[in-house]
């Protein structure tokens, strides 16, 4: 709790996008709660590189539940300390977020399938 995970993503065109998580609650192996934001290379909080009205910070709550021999992962994502305009941007971007999270989960499933082979 209080720790930070700082990461960089490299786009196919070589552009870098930075982000960070600040962990607020860890209940192993059931739950993670963190504040998620875009960042600069040094880890400072920045705006979304393609949306000046995207919330500066997001609250992410991840829960993990045993379902037979599998794990159900549920991610709840919401604006944190956001303005009305930022909340509106978030609310009108749900379809795009579903695609992004869906693609991420598909990549994770592929990775895990290969790791088990």
PDB file of N, CA and C in Angstrom:
ATOM      1  N   UNK A   1       0.852  -1.181   0.000  1.00  0.00           N
ATOM      2  CA  UNK A   1       0.000   0.000   0.000  1.00  0.00           C
ATOM      3  C   UNK A   1       0.891   1.235   0.000  1.00  0.00           C
ATOM      4  N   UNK A   2       0.574   2.185  -0.872  1.00  0.00           N
ATOM      5  CA  UNK A   2       1.387   3.389  -1.015  1.00  0.00           C
ATOM      6  C   UNK A   2       2.457   3.265  -2.079  1.00  0.00           C
ATOM      7  N   UNK A   3       2.713   2.033  -2.523  1.00  0.00           N
ATOM      8  CA  UNK A   3       3.716   1.815  -3.561  1.00  0.00           C
ATOM      9  C   UNK A   3       3.224   2.265  -4.920  1.00  0.00           C
ATOM     10  N   UNK A   4       4.161   2.486  -5.815  1.00  0.00           N
ATOM     11  CA  UNK A   4       3.846   2.981  -7.158  1.00  0.00           C
ATOM     12  C   UNK A   4       4.393   2.020  -8.205  1.00  0.00           C
ATOM     13  N   UNK A   5       3.592   1.785  -9.244  1.00  0.00           N
ATOM     14  CA  UNK A   5       4.033   1.043 -10.419  1.00  0.00           C
ATOM     15  C   UNK A   5       4.025   2.034 -11.576  1.00  0.00           C
ATOM     16  N   UNK A   6       5.192   2.295 -12.137  1.00  0.00           N
ATOM     17  CA  UNK A   6       5.338   3.249 -13.236  1.00  0.00           C
ATOM     18  C   UNK A   6       5.672   2.447 -14.488  1.00  0.00           C
ATOM     19  N   UNK A   7       4.954   2.693 -15.577  1.00  0.00           N
ATOM     20  CA  UNK A   7       5.149   1.877 -16.775  1.00  0.00           C
ATOM     21  C   UNK A   7       5.142   2.740 -18.029  1.00  0.00           C
ATOM     22  N   UNK A   8       5.706   2.191 -19.085  1.00  0.00           N
ATOM     23  CA  UNK A   8       5.701   2.837 -20.385  1.00  0.00           C
ATOM     24  C   UNK A   8       5.199   1.877 -21.441  1.00  0.00           C
ATOM     25  N   UNK A   9       4.398   2.393 -22.353  1.00  0.00           N
ATOM     26  CA  UNK A   9       3.894   1.613 -23.478  1.00  0.00           C
ATOM     27  C   UNK A   9       4.418   2.228 -24.760  1.00  0.00           C
ATOM     28  N   UNK A  10       4.972   1.392 -25.617  1.00  0.00           N
ATOM     29  CA  UNK A  10       5.510   1.876 -26.887  1.00  0.00           C
ATOM     30  C   UNK A  10       4.540   1.535 -28.002  1.00  0.00           C
ATOM     31  N   UNK A  11       4.040   2.558 -28.684  1.00  0.00           N
ATOM     32  CA  UNK A  11       3.111   2.373 -29.796  1.00  0.00           C
ATOM     33  C   UNK A  11       3.863   1.828 -31.018  1.00  0.00           C
ATOM     34  N   UNK A  12       3.138   1.235 -31.953  1.00  0.00           N
ATOM     35  CA  UNK A  12       3.790   0.722 -33.166  1.00  0.00           C
ATOM     36  C   UNK A  12       4.612   1.786 -33.906  1.00  0.00           C
ATOM     37  N   UNK A  13       4.211   3.058 -33.781  1.00  0.00           N
ATOM     38  CA  UNK A  13       4.964   4.126 -34.451  1.00  0.00           C
ATOM     39  C   UNK A  13       6.162   4.604 -33.629  1.00  0.00           C
ATOM     40  N   UNK A  14       6.393   3.975 -32.470  1.00  0.00           N
ATOM     41  CA  UNK A  14       7.541   4.323 -31.625  1.00  0.00           C
ATOM     42  C   UNK A  14       7.254   5.334 -30.534  1.00  0.00           C
ATOM     43  N   UNK A  15       6.076   5.962 -30.566  1.00  0.00           N
ATOM     44  CA  UNK A  15       5.724   6.940 -29.536  1.00  0.00           C
ATOM     45  C   UNK A  15       5.544   6.249 -28.187  1.00  0.00           C
ATOM     46  N   UNK A  16       5.996   6.904 -27.136  1.00  0.00           N
ATOM     47  CA  UNK A  16       5.864   6.369 -25.784  1.00  0.00           C
ATOM     48  C   UNK A  16       4.685   7.009 -25.071  1.00  0.00           C
ATOM     49  N   UNK A  17       3.986   6.201 -24.281  1.00  0.00           N
ATOM     50  CA  UNK A  17       2.919   6.672 -23.414  1.00  0.00           C
ATOM     51  C   UNK A  17       3.224   6.118 -22.027  1.00  0.00           C
ATOM     52  N   UNK A  18       3.190   6.979 -21.027  1.00  0.00           N
ATOM     53  CA  UNK A  18       3.548   6.598 -19.671  1.00  0.00           C
ATOM     54  C   UNK A  18       2.323   6.601 -18.770  1.00  0.00           C
ATOM     55  N   UNK A  19       2.357   5.781 -17.748  1.00  0.00           N
ATOM     56  CA  UNK A  19       1.283   5.740 -16.767  1.00  0.00           C
ATOM     57  C   UNK A  19       1.820   5.294 -15.425  1.00  0.00           C
ATOM     58  N   UNK A  20       0.968   5.428 -14.417  1.00  0.00           N
ATOM     59  CA  UNK A  20       1.386   4.976 -13.094  1.00  0.00           C
ATOM     60  C   UNK A  20       0.178   4.560 -12.272  1.00  0.00           C
ATOM     61  N   UNK A  21       0.425   3.623 -11.392  1.00  0.00           N
ATOM     62  CA  UNK A  21      -0.553   3.161 -10.418  1.00  0.00           C
ATOM     63  C   UNK A  21       0.000   3.495  -9.040  1.00  0.00           C
ATOM     64  N   UNK A  22      -0.850   3.983  -8.156  1.00  0.00           N
ATOM     65  CA  UNK A  22      -0.497   4.146  -6.747  1.00  0.00           C
ATOM     66  C   UNK A  22      -1.449   3.238  -5.971  1.00  0.00           C
ATOM     67  N   UNK A  23      -0.895   2.234  -5.306  1.00  0.00           N
ATOM     68  CA  UNK A  23      -1.706   1.221  -4.639  1.00  0.00           C
ATOM     69  C   UNK A  23      -2.281   1.749  -3.326  1.00  0.00           C
ATOM     70  N   UNK A  24      -3.622   1.631  -3.188  1.00  0.00           N
ATOM     71  CA  UNK A  24      -4.328   2.100  -1.991  1.00  0.00           C
ATOM     72  C   UNK A  24      -4.723   0.958  -1.064  1.00  0.00           C
ATOM     73  N   UNK A  25      -5.022  -0.195  -1.648  1.00  0.00           N
ATOM     74  CA  UNK A  25      -5.431  -1.341  -0.833  1.00  0.00           C
ATOM     75  C   UNK A  25      -5.009  -2.612  -1.549  1.00  0.00           C
ATOM     76  N   UNK A  26      -4.461  -3.538  -0.782  1.00  0.00           N
ATOM     77  CA  UNK A  26      -4.077  -4.850  -1.311  1.00  0.00           C
ATOM     78  C   UNK A  26      -4.601  -5.892  -0.335  1.00  0.00           C
ATOM     79  N   UNK A  27      -5.520  -6.720  -0.823  1.00  0.00           N
ATOM     80  CA  UNK A  27      -6.058  -7.818  -0.027  1.00  0.00           C
ATOM     81  C   UNK A  27      -5.787  -9.084  -0.832  1.00  0.00           C
ATOM     82  N   UNK A  28      -4.611  -9.646  -0.644  1.00  0.00           N
ATOM     83  CA  UNK A  28      -4.205 -10.819  -1.425  1.00  0.00           C
ATOM     84  C   UNK A  28      -5.008 -12.031  -0.972  1.00  0.00           C
ATOM     85  N   UNK A  29      -5.465 -12.852  -1.869  1.00  0.00           N
ATOM     86  CA  UNK A  29      -5.428 -12.752  -3.334  1.00  0.00           C
ATOM     87  C   UNK A  29      -6.753 -12.248  -3.914  1.00  0.00           C
ATOM     88  N   UNK A  30      -7.487 -11.419  -3.173  1.00  0.00           N
ATOM     89  CA  UNK A  30      -8.862 -11.087  -3.545  1.00  0.00           C
ATOM     90  C   UNK A  30      -9.067  -9.739  -4.216  1.00  0.00           C
ATOM     91  N   UNK A  31      -8.248  -8.731  -3.874  1.00  0.00           N
ATOM     92  CA  UNK A  31      -8.607  -7.372  -4.286  1.00  0.00           C
ATOM     93  C   UNK A  31      -7.384  -6.469  -4.361  1.00  0.00           C
ATOM     94  N   UNK A  32      -7.389  -5.605  -5.394  1.00  0.00           N
ATOM     95  CA  UNK A  32      -6.429  -4.513  -5.524  1.00  0.00           C
ATOM     96  C   UNK A  32      -7.214  -3.231  -5.742  1.00  0.00           C
ATOM     97  N   UNK A  33      -6.828  -2.180  -5.058  1.00  0.00           N
ATOM     98  CA  UNK A  33      -7.427  -0.869  -5.287  1.00  0.00           C
ATOM     99  C   UNK A  33      -6.287   0.102  -5.526  1.00  0.00           C
ATOM    100  N   UNK A  34      -6.397   0.873  -6.608  1.00  0.00           N
ATOM    101  CA  UNK A  34      -5.311   1.777  -6.955  1.00  0.00           C
ATOM    102  C   UNK A  34      -5.828   3.023  -7.648  1.00  0.00           C
ATOM    103  N   UNK A  35      -4.998   4.055  -7.626  1.00  0.00           N
ATOM    104  CA  UNK A  35      -5.254   5.260  -8.400  1.00  0.00           C
ATOM    105  C   UNK A  35      -4.381   5.161  -9.646  1.00  0.00           C
ATOM    106  N   UNK A  36      -5.013   5.297 -10.789  1.00  0.00           N
ATOM    107  CA  UNK A  36      -4.392   5.110 -12.103  1.00  0.00           C
ATOM    108  C   UNK A  36      -4.357   6.466 -12.797  1.00  0.00           C
ATOM    109  N   UNK A  37      -3.217   6.814 -13.377  1.00  0.00           N
ATOM    110  CA  UNK A  37      -3.123   8.079 -14.109  1.00  0.00           C
ATOM    111  C   UNK A  37      -2.107   7.956 -15.232  1.00  0.00           C
ATOM    112  N   UNK A  38      -2.216   8.845 -16.186  1.00  0.00           N
ATOM    113  CA  UNK A  38      -1.163   8.987 -17.181  1.00  0.00           C
ATOM    114  C   UNK A  38      -0.024   9.730 -16.499  1.00  0.00           C
ATOM    115  N   UNK A  39       1.175   9.544 -17.007  1.00  0.00           N
ATOM    116  CA  UNK A  39       2.316  10.208 -16.385  1.00  0.00           C
ATOM    117  C   UNK A  39       3.339  10.600 -17.439  1.00  0.00           C
ATOM    118  N   UNK A  40       4.316  11.341 -16.979  1.00  0.00           N
ATOM    119  CA  UNK A  40       5.467  11.612 -17.829  1.00  0.00           C
ATOM    120  C   UNK A  40       6.528  10.556 -17.537  1.00  0.00           C
ATOM    121  N   UNK A  41       7.635  10.640 -18.237  1.00  0.00           N
ATOM    122  CA  UNK A  41       8.690   9.634 -18.090  1.00  0.00           C
ATOM    123  C   UNK A  41       9.232   9.564 -16.664  1.00  0.00           C
ATOM    124  N   UNK A  42       9.170  10.681 -15.939  1.00  0.00           N
ATOM    125  CA  UNK A  42       9.680  10.734 -14.565  1.00  0.00           C
ATOM    126  C   UNK A  42       8.645  10.257 -13.536  1.00  0.00           C
ATOM    127  N   UNK A  43       7.414   9.952 -13.977  1.00  0.00           N
ATOM    128  CA  UNK A  43       6.392   9.463 -13.058  1.00  0.00           C
ATOM    129  C   UNK A  43       5.444  10.523 -12.538  1.00  0.00           C
ATOM    130  N   UNK A  44       5.561  11.766 -13.025  1.00  0.00           N
ATOM    131  CA  UNK A  44       4.632  12.819 -12.617  1.00  0.00           C
ATOM    132  C   UNK A  44       3.295  12.674 -13.320  1.00  0.00           C
ATOM    133  N   UNK A  45       2.214  13.013 -12.648  1.00  0.00           N
ATOM    134  CA  UNK A  45       0.870  12.897 -13.219  1.00  0.00           C
ATOM    135  C   UNK A  45       0.699  13.899 -14.362  1.00  0.00           C
ATOM    136  N   UNK A  46       0.168  13.414 -15.481  1.00  0.00           N
ATOM    137  CA  UNK A  46      -0.087  14.267 -16.645  1.00  0.00           C
ATOM    138  C   UNK A  46      -1.484  13.976 -17.197  1.00  0.00           C
ATOM    139  N   UNK A  47      -1.894  14.783 -18.139  1.00  0.00           N
ATOM    140  CA  UNK A  47      -3.159  14.585 -18.821  1.00  0.00           C
ATOM    141  C   UNK A  47      -3.038  13.463 -19.850  1.00  0.00           C
ATOM    142  N   UNK A  48      -4.170  12.906 -20.209  1.00  0.00           N
ATOM    143  CA  UNK A  48      -4.256  11.924 -21.300  1.00  0.00           C
ATOM    144  C   UNK A  48      -3.645  12.571 -22.541  1.00  0.00           C
ATOM    145  N   UNK A  49      -2.771  11.882 -23.252  1.00  0.00           N
ATOM    146  CA  UNK A  49      -2.098  12.499 -24.394  1.00  0.00           C
ATOM    147  C   UNK A  49      -3.027  12.848 -25.565  1.00  0.00           C
ATOM    148  N   UNK A  50      -4.245  12.273 -25.576  1.00  0.00           N
ATOM    149  CA  UNK A  50      -5.155  12.556 -26.683  1.00  0.00           C
ATOM    150  C   UNK A  50      -6.480  13.170 -26.232  1.00  0.00           C
ATOM    151  N   UNK A  51      -6.599  13.508 -24.931  1.00  0.00           N
ATOM    152  CA  UNK A  51      -7.863  14.066 -24.435  1.00  0.00           C
ATOM    153  C   UNK A  51      -7.602  14.955 -23.222  1.00  0.00           C
ATOM    154  N   UNK A  52      -7.689  16.250 -23.427  1.00  0.00           N
ATOM    155  CA  UNK A  52      -7.439  17.188 -22.319  1.00  0.00           C
ATOM    156  C   UNK A  52      -8.562  17.178 -21.288  1.00  0.00           C
ATOM    157  N   UNK A  53      -9.702  16.551 -21.616  1.00  0.00           N
ATOM    158  CA  UNK A  53     -10.797  16.504 -20.652  1.00  0.00           C
ATOM    159  C   UNK A  53     -10.960  15.128 -20.004  1.00  0.00           C
ATOM    160  N   UNK A  54     -10.009  14.223 -20.270  1.00  0.00           N
ATOM    161  CA  UNK A  54     -10.032  12.924 -19.598  1.00  0.00           C
ATOM    162  C   UNK A  54      -9.697  13.155 -18.125  1.00  0.00           C
ATOM    163  N   UNK A  55     -10.310  12.410 -17.184  1.00  0.00           N
ATOM    164  CA  UNK A  55      -9.989  12.595 -15.769  1.00  0.00           C
ATOM    165  C   UNK A  55      -8.484  12.439 -15.497  1.00  0.00           C
ATOM    166  N   UNK A  56      -7.973  13.313 -14.666  1.00  0.00           N
ATOM    167  CA  UNK A  56      -6.553  13.280 -14.329  1.00  0.00           C
ATOM    168  C   UNK A  56      -6.199  11.991 -13.590  1.00  0.00           C
ATOM    169  N   UNK A  57      -7.119  11.527 -12.748  1.00  0.00           N
ATOM    170  CA  UNK A  57      -6.892  10.290 -11.999  1.00  0.00           C
ATOM    171  C   UNK A  57      -8.138   9.417 -12.064  1.00  0.00           C
ATOM    172  N   UNK A  58      -7.896   8.112 -12.010  1.00  0.00           N
ATOM    173  CA  UNK A  58      -8.977   7.125 -12.047  1.00  0.00           C
ATOM    174  C   UNK A  58      -8.828   6.200 -10.840  1.00  0.00           C
ATOM    175  N   UNK A  59      -9.950   5.801 -10.274  1.00  0.00           N
ATOM    176  CA  UNK A  59      -9.951   4.791  -9.222  1.00  0.00           C
ATOM    177  C   UNK A  59     -10.203   3.443  -9.885  1.00  0.00           C
ATOM    178  N   UNK A  60      -9.285   2.517  -9.696  1.00  0.00           N
ATOM    179  CA  UNK A  60      -9.428   1.174 -10.257  1.00  0.00           C
ATOM    180  C   UNK A  60      -9.529   0.177  -9.108  1.00  0.00           C
ATOM    181  N   UNK A  61     -10.585  -0.626  -9.138  1.00  0.00           N
ATOM    182  CA  UNK A  61     -10.771  -1.677  -8.142  1.00  0.00           C
ATOM    183  C   UNK A  61     -10.842  -2.999  -8.897  1.00  0.00           C
ATOM    184  N   UNK A  62      -9.890  -3.871  -8.630  1.00  0.00           N
ATOM    185  CA  UNK A  62      -9.797  -5.178  -9.293  1.00  0.00           C
ATOM    186  C   UNK A  62     -10.089  -6.249  -8.254  1.00  0.00           C
ATOM    187  N   UNK A  63     -11.056  -7.112  -8.546  1.00  0.00           N
ATOM    188  CA  UNK A  63     -11.346  -8.225  -7.654  1.00  0.00           C
ATOM    189  C   UNK A  63     -11.088  -9.536  -8.387  1.00  0.00           C
ATOM    190  N   UNK A  64     -10.695 -10.536  -7.619  1.00  0.00           N
ATOM    191  CA  UNK A  64     -10.327 -11.848  -8.147  1.00  0.00           C
ATOM    192  C   UNK A  64     -11.147 -12.892  -7.391  1.00  0.00           C
ATOM    193  N   UNK A  65     -11.875 -13.722  -8.146  1.00  0.00           N
ATOM    194  CA  UNK A  65     -12.779 -14.691  -7.537  1.00  0.00           C
ATOM    195  C   UNK A  65     -12.543 -16.067  -8.155  1.00  0.00           C
ATOM    196  N   UNK A  66     -12.362 -17.083  -7.313  1.00  0.00           N
ATOM    197  CA  UNK A  66     -12.219 -18.445  -7.804  1.00  0.00           C
ATOM    198  C   UNK A  66     -13.553 -18.933  -8.330  1.00  0.00           C
ATOM    199  N   UNK A  67     -13.538 -19.439  -9.564  1.00  0.00           N
ATOM    200  CA  UNK A  67     -14.722 -20.017 -10.190  1.00  0.00           C
ATOM    201  C   UNK A  67     -14.274 -21.348 -10.775  1.00  0.00           C
ATOM    202  N   UNK A  68     -14.483 -22.402 -10.017  1.00  0.00           N
ATOM    203  CA  UNK A  68     -13.988 -23.707 -10.451  1.00  0.00           C
ATOM    204  C   UNK A  68     -12.468 -23.681 -10.478  1.00  0.00           C
ATOM    205  N   UNK A  69     -11.899 -24.043 -11.627  1.00  0.00           N
ATOM    206  CA  UNK A  69     -10.436 -24.019 -11.758  1.00  0.00           C
ATOM    207  C   UNK A  69      -9.963 -22.768 -12.501  1.00  0.00           C
ATOM    208  N   UNK A  70     -10.807 -21.739 -12.515  1.00  0.00           N
ATOM    209  CA  UNK A  70     -10.473 -20.484 -13.181  1.00  0.00           C
ATOM    210  C   UNK A  70     -10.594 -19.333 -12.197  1.00  0.00           C
ATOM    211  N   UNK A  71     -10.154 -18.169 -12.642  1.00  0.00           N
ATOM    212  CA  UNK A  71     -10.278 -16.958 -11.834  1.00  0.00           C
ATOM    213  C   UNK A  71     -11.077 -15.926 -12.608  1.00  0.00           C
ATOM    214  N   UNK A  72     -12.118 -15.420 -11.973  1.00  0.00           N
ATOM    215  CA  UNK A  72     -12.891 -14.322 -12.562  1.00  0.00           C
ATOM    216  C   UNK A  72     -12.252 -13.014 -12.089  1.00  0.00           C
ATOM    217  N   UNK A  73     -11.882 -12.168 -13.044  1.00  0.00           N
ATOM    218  CA  UNK A  73     -11.311 -10.860 -12.754  1.00  0.00           C
ATOM    219  C   UNK A  73     -12.368  -9.816 -13.092  1.00  0.00           C
ATOM    220  N   UNK A  74     -12.683  -8.970 -12.119  1.00  0.00           N
ATOM    221  CA  UNK A  74     -13.634  -7.878 -12.338  1.00  0.00           C
ATOM    222  C   UNK A  74     -12.890  -6.574 -12.095  1.00  0.00           C
ATOM    223  N   UNK A  75     -12.987  -5.664 -13.055  1.00  0.00           N
ATOM    224  CA  UNK A  75     -12.329  -4.365 -12.935  1.00  0.00           C
ATOM    225  C   UNK A  75     -13.395  -3.288 -12.950  1.00  0.00           C
ATOM    226  N   UNK A  76     -13.401  -2.499 -11.904  1.00  0.00           N
ATOM    227  CA  UNK A  76     -14.299  -1.346 -11.827  1.00  0.00           C
ATOM    228  C   UNK A  76     -13.421  -0.107 -11.904  1.00  0.00           C
ATOM    229  N   UNK A  77     -13.762   0.759 -12.821  1.00  0.00           N
ATOM    230  CA  UNK A  77     -12.929   1.912 -13.142  1.00  0.00           C
ATOM    231  C   UNK A  77     -13.800   3.143 -13.105  1.00  0.00           C
ATOM    232  N   UNK A  78     -13.409   4.166 -12.366  1.00  0.00           N
ATOM    233  CA  UNK A  78     -14.225   5.373 -12.276  1.00  0.00           C
ATOM    234  C   UNK A  78     -13.335   6.600 -12.107  1.00  0.00           C
ATOM    235  N   UNK A  79     -13.834   7.760 -12.533  1.00  0.00           N
ATOM    236  CA  UNK A  79     -13.077   8.996 -12.336  1.00  0.00           C
ATOM    237  C   UNK A  79     -12.869   9.248 -10.841  1.00  0.00           C
ATOM    238  N   UNK A  80     -11.733   9.810 -10.491  1.00  0.00           N
ATOM    239  CA  UNK A  80     -11.396  10.091  -9.102  1.00  0.00           C
ATOM    240  C   UNK A  80     -11.119  11.583  -8.960  1.00  0.00           C
ATOM    241  N   UNK A  81     -11.854  12.222  -8.065  1.00  0.00           N
ATOM    242  CA  UNK A  81     -11.717  13.666  -7.835  1.00  0.00           C
ATOM    243  C   UNK A  81     -11.819  14.440  -9.160  1.00  0.00           C
ATOM    244  N   UNK A  82     -12.780  14.045  -9.996  1.00  0.00           N
ATOM    245  CA  UNK A  82     -12.908  14.593 -11.351  1.00  0.00           C
ATOM    246  C   UNK A  82     -13.893  15.758 -11.383  1.00  0.00           C
ATOM    247  N   UNK A  83     -13.694  16.619 -12.363  1.00  0.00           N
ATOM    248  CA  UNK A  83     -14.644  17.697 -12.625  1.00  0.00           C
ATOM    249  C   UNK A  83     -15.850  17.123 -13.354  1.00  0.00           C
ATOM    250  N   UNK A  84     -16.899  17.906 -13.451  1.00  0.00           N
ATOM    251  CA  UNK A  84     -18.090  17.485 -14.192  1.00  0.00           C
ATOM    252  C   UNK A  84     -17.733  17.192 -15.654  1.00  0.00           C
ATOM    253  N   UNK A  85     -16.911  18.041 -16.264  1.00  0.00           N
ATOM    254  CA  UNK A  85     -16.491  17.828 -17.651  1.00  0.00           C
ATOM    255  C   UNK A  85     -15.698  16.537 -17.801  1.00  0.00           C
ATOM    256  N   UNK A  86     -14.813  16.244 -16.854  1.00  0.00           N
ATOM    257  CA  UNK A  86     -14.032  15.005 -16.903  1.00  0.00           C
ATOM    258  C   UNK A  86     -14.935  13.786 -16.744  1.00  0.00           C
ATOM    259  N   UNK A  87     -15.912  13.857 -15.830  1.00  0.00           N
ATOM    260  CA  UNK A  87     -16.848  12.737 -15.668  1.00  0.00           C
ATOM    261  C   UNK A  87     -17.669  12.518 -16.946  1.00  0.00           C
ATOM    262  N   UNK A  88     -18.054  13.608 -17.608  1.00  0.00           N
ATOM    263  CA  UNK A  88     -18.795  13.492 -18.871  1.00  0.00           C
ATOM    264  C   UNK A  88     -17.931  12.811 -19.941  1.00  0.00           C
ATOM    265  N   UNK A  89     -16.675  13.210 -20.056  1.00  0.00           N
ATOM    266  CA  UNK A  89     -15.762  12.587 -21.025  1.00  0.00           C
ATOM    267  C   UNK A  89     -15.651  11.094 -20.745  1.00  0.00           C
ATOM    268  N   UNK A  90     -15.480  10.746 -19.480  1.00  0.00           N
ATOM    269  CA  UNK A  90     -15.389   9.338 -19.093  1.00  0.00           C
ATOM    270  C   UNK A  90     -16.663   8.587 -19.480  1.00  0.00           C
ATOM    271  N   UNK A  91     -17.814   9.137 -19.102  1.00  0.00           N
ATOM    272  CA  UNK A  91     -19.087   8.460 -19.361  1.00  0.00           C
ATOM    273  C   UNK A  91     -19.365   8.266 -20.842  1.00  0.00           C
ATOM    274  N   UNK A  92     -18.931   9.188 -21.677  1.00  0.00           N
ATOM    275  CA  UNK A  92     -19.184   9.069 -23.121  1.00  0.00           C
ATOM    276  C   UNK A  92     -18.108   8.238 -23.832  1.00  0.00           C
ATOM    277  N   UNK A  93     -17.150   7.729 -23.083  1.00  0.00           N
ATOM    278  CA  UNK A  93     -16.064   6.929 -23.672  1.00  0.00           C
ATOM    279  C   UNK A  93     -16.160   5.452 -23.323  1.00  0.00           C
ATOM    280  N   UNK A  94     -17.265   5.029 -22.780  1.00  0.00           N
ATOM    281  CA  UNK A  94     -17.389   3.642 -22.295  1.00  0.00           C
ATOM    282  C   UNK A  94     -17.173   2.596 -23.393  1.00  0.00           C
ATOM    283  N   UNK A  95     -17.710   2.812 -24.587  1.00  0.00           N
ATOM    284  CA  UNK A  95     -17.524   1.825 -25.660  1.00  0.00           C
ATOM    285  C   UNK A  95     -16.046   1.668 -26.007  1.00  0.00           C
ATOM    286  N   UNK A  96     -15.332   2.776 -26.088  1.00  0.00           N
ATOM    287  CA  UNK A  96     -13.900   2.730 -26.378  1.00  0.00           C
ATOM    288  C   UNK A  96     -13.141   2.005 -25.265  1.00  0.00           C
ATOM    289  N   UNK A  97     -13.525   2.261 -24.022  1.00  0.00           N
ATOM    290  CA  UNK A  97     -12.863   1.593 -22.892  1.00  0.00           C
ATOM    291  C   UNK A  97     -13.129   0.094 -22.919  1.00  0.00           C
ATOM    292  N   UNK A  98     -14.352  -0.304 -23.266  1.00  0.00           N
ATOM    293  CA  UNK A  98     -14.660  -1.737 -23.356  1.00  0.00           C
ATOM    294  C   UNK A  98     -13.756  -2.411 -24.383  1.00  0.00           C
ATOM    295  N   UNK A  99     -13.553  -1.739 -25.517  1.00  0.00           N
ATOM    296  CA  UNK A  99     -12.672  -2.303 -26.545  1.00  0.00           C
ATOM    297  C   UNK A  99     -11.245  -2.405 -26.017  1.00  0.00           C
ATOM    298  N   UNK A 100     -10.775  -1.368 -25.357  1.00  0.00           N
ATOM    299  CA  UNK A 100      -9.412  -1.377 -24.836  1.00  0.00           C
ATOM    300  C   UNK A 100      -9.198  -2.445 -23.777  1.00  0.00           C
ATOM    301  N   UNK A 101     -10.114  -2.499 -22.798  1.00  0.00           N
ATOM    302  CA  UNK A 101      -9.992  -3.518 -21.754  1.00  0.00           C
ATOM    303  C   UNK A 101     -10.184  -4.914 -22.347  1.00  0.00           C
ATOM    304  N   UNK A 102     -11.112  -5.050 -23.293  1.00  0.00           N
ATOM    305  CA  UNK A 102     -11.334  -6.352 -23.920  1.00  0.00           C
ATOM    306  C   UNK A 102     -10.087  -6.844 -24.632  1.00  0.00           C
ATOM    307  N   UNK A 103      -9.440  -5.961 -25.382  1.00  0.00           N
ATOM    308  CA  UNK A 103      -8.205  -6.326 -26.068  1.00  0.00           C
ATOM    309  C   UNK A 103      -7.102  -6.699 -25.095  1.00  0.00           C
ATOM    310  N   UNK A 104      -7.015  -5.967 -24.003  1.00  0.00           N
ATOM    311  CA  UNK A 104      -6.010  -6.273 -22.976  1.00  0.00           C
ATOM    312  C   UNK A 104      -6.251  -7.648 -22.376  1.00  0.00           C
ATOM    313  N   UNK A 105      -7.504  -7.951 -22.062  1.00  0.00           N
ATOM    314  CA  UNK A 105      -7.824  -9.253 -21.465  1.00  0.00           C
ATOM    315  C   UNK A 105      -7.605 -10.393 -22.462  1.00  0.00           C
ATOM    316  N   UNK A 106      -7.864 -10.149 -23.739  1.00  0.00           N
ATOM    317  CA  UNK A 106      -7.590 -11.170 -24.757  1.00  0.00           C
ATOM    318  C   UNK A 106      -6.094 -11.454 -24.838  1.00  0.00           C
ATOM    319  N   UNK A 107      -5.282 -10.408 -24.792  1.00  0.00           N
ATOM    320  CA  UNK A 107      -3.829 -10.596 -24.814  1.00  0.00           C
ATOM    321  C   UNK A 107      -3.368 -11.365 -23.579  1.00  0.00           C
ATOM    322  N   UNK A 108      -3.946 -11.054 -22.415  1.00  0.00           N
ATOM    323  CA  UNK A 108      -3.600 -11.782 -21.191  1.00  0.00           C
ATOM    324  C   UNK A 108      -3.984 -13.253 -21.313  1.00  0.00           C
ATOM    325  N   UNK A 109      -5.180 -13.525 -21.835  1.00  0.00           N
ATOM    326  CA  UNK A 109      -5.618 -14.923 -22.011  1.00  0.00           C
ATOM    327  C   UNK A 109      -4.683 -15.668 -22.959  1.00  0.00           C
ATOM    328  N   UNK A 110      -4.277 -15.040 -24.048  1.00  0.00           N
ATOM    329  CA  UNK A 110      -3.337 -15.668 -24.992  1.00  0.00           C
ATOM    330  C   UNK A 110      -2.002 -15.959 -24.298  1.00  0.00           C
ATOM    331  N   UNK A 111      -1.516 -14.986 -23.538  1.00  0.00           N
ATOM    332  CA  UNK A 111      -0.244 -15.154 -22.830  1.00  0.00           C
ATOM    333  C   UNK A 111      -0.339 -16.332 -21.850  1.00  0.00           C
ATOM    334  N   UNK A 112      -1.416 -16.383 -21.077  1.00  0.00           N
ATOM    335  CA  UNK A 112      -1.558 -17.454 -20.092  1.00  0.00           C
ATOM    336  C   UNK A 112      -1.705 -18.811 -20.763  1.00  0.00           C
ATOM    337  N   UNK A 113      -2.420 -18.869 -21.890  1.00  0.00           N
ATOM    338  CA  UNK A 113      -2.561 -20.130 -22.614  1.00  0.00           C
ATOM    339  C   UNK A 113      -1.206 -20.636 -23.090  1.00  0.00           C
ATOM    340  N   UNK A 114      -0.377 -19.742 -23.588  1.00  0.00           N
ATOM    341  CA  UNK A 114       0.962 -20.128 -24.058  1.00  0.00           C
ATOM    342  C   UNK A 114       1.846 -20.544 -22.886  1.00  0.00           C
ATOM    343  N   UNK A 115       1.705 -19.867 -21.761  1.00  0.00           N
ATOM    344  CA  UNK A 115       2.511 -20.183 -20.578  1.00  0.00           C
ATOM    345  C   UNK A 115       2.173 -21.545 -20.012  1.00  0.00           C
ATOM    346  N   UNK A 116       0.919 -21.974 -20.177  1.00  0.00           N
ATOM    347  CA  UNK A 116       0.489 -23.278 -19.668  1.00  0.00           C
ATOM    348  C   UNK A 116       0.842 -24.413 -20.610  1.00  0.00           C
ATOM    349  N   UNK A 117       1.151 -24.088 -21.872  1.00  0.00           N
ATOM    350  CA  UNK A 117       1.441 -25.130 -22.871  1.00  0.00           C
ATOM    351  C   UNK A 117       2.800 -25.761 -22.640  1.00  0.00           C
TER     352      UNK A 117
END
